[in-house]
Amino acid sequence: MSELTKTLLIDIGNSRIKCCYYDRLDEVFYLSEASDILSYLKPVTHCIIAAVGQQHQLNAIRSLL
């Protein structure tokens, strides 16, 4: 398994958080709260985060990582 397959992509938008695994871009997960990310972290060694505001959500996810 390559490092890319262990990468979680996270998009913190204005209304919700979306994430998917790098090797499964067609399977997007929508999260209500930052803490919901925990169930997706087990196989992950890297995360790439995009955020447009919502600094509190970004800080919460960073602390969980």
Protein backbone atom coordinates (compact mmCIF):
# COMPACT_ATOMS: atom_id res chain seq x y z
CA MET A 1 0.00 0.00 0.00
CA SER A 2 1.50 3.32 -1.03
CA GLU A 3 1.50 6.45 1.09
CA LEU A 4 -1.08 8.03 -1.22
CA THR A 5 -3.58 5.28 -0.50
CA LYS A 6 -3.26 6.15 3.20
CA THR A 7 -4.02 9.85 2.59
CA LEU A 8 -7.27 11.46 3.72
CA LEU A 9 -8.42 14.58 1.90
CA ILE A 10 -10.50 16.97 4.03
CA ASP A 11 -12.46 19.99 2.79
CA ILE A 12 -13.78 22.28 5.51
CA GLY A 13 -16.44 24.37 3.80
CA ASN A 14 -18.77 27.04 5.09
CA SER A 15 -21.64 24.65 5.68
CA ARG A 16 -20.11 21.19 6.11
CA ILE A 17 -16.97 19.09 6.19
CA LYS A 18 -16.30 16.64 3.37
CA CYS A 19 -13.61 14.01 3.20
CA CYS A 20 -12.47 11.09 1.08
CA TYR A 21 -9.48 8.82 0.73
CA TYR A 22 -7.02 9.71 -2.02
CA ASP A 23 -7.45 6.37 -3.76
CA ARG A 24 -11.28 6.53 -3.56
CA LEU A 25 -12.16 10.03 -4.75
CA ASP A 26 -15.66 8.94 -5.75
CA GLU A 27 -16.57 8.02 -2.15
CA VAL A 28 -17.13 11.33 -0.34
CA PHE A 29 -18.13 11.39 3.32
CA TYR A 30 -20.03 14.33 4.78
CA LEU A 31 -19.44 15.14 8.43
CA SER A 32 -21.64 17.10 10.83
CA GLU A 33 -18.94 17.72 13.42
CA ALA A 34 -15.15 17.72 13.37
CA SER A 35 -15.10 14.83 15.85
CA ASP A 36 -16.85 12.62 13.25
CA ILE A 37 -13.49 12.44 11.46
CA LEU A 38 -12.22 9.93 14.04
CA SER A 39 -13.94 7.00 12.37
CA TYR A 40 -12.02 7.67 9.13
CA LEU A 41 -8.52 8.03 10.61
CA LYS A 42 -7.58 4.40 11.30
CA PRO A 43 -5.91 3.60 7.94
CA VAL A 44 -4.54 7.15 7.51
CA THR A 45 -0.92 8.27 7.73
CA HIS A 46 -1.32 11.63 5.95
CA CYS A 47 -4.02 14.29 5.68
CA ILE A 48 -4.44 17.16 3.26
CA ILE A 49 -6.82 19.85 4.47
CA ALA A 50 -8.48 22.68 2.56
CA ALA A 51 -10.41 25.26 4.59
CA VAL A 52 -12.37 28.40 3.70
CA GLY A 53 -12.96 30.00 7.05
CA GLN A 54 -14.39 27.93 9.89
CA GLN A 55 -11.18 28.29 11.89
CA HIS A 56 -12.76 26.52 14.89
CA GLN A 57 -13.45 23.43 12.75
CA LEU A 58 -9.89 23.47 11.41
CA ASN A 59 -8.48 23.75 14.93
CA ALA A 60 -10.70 20.89 16.12
CA ILE A 61 -9.59 18.59 13.30
CA ARG A 62 -5.94 19.48 13.83
CA SER A 63 -6.21 18.59 17.50
CA LEU A 64 -7.81 15.24 16.62
CA LEU A 65 -5.05 14.42 14.17
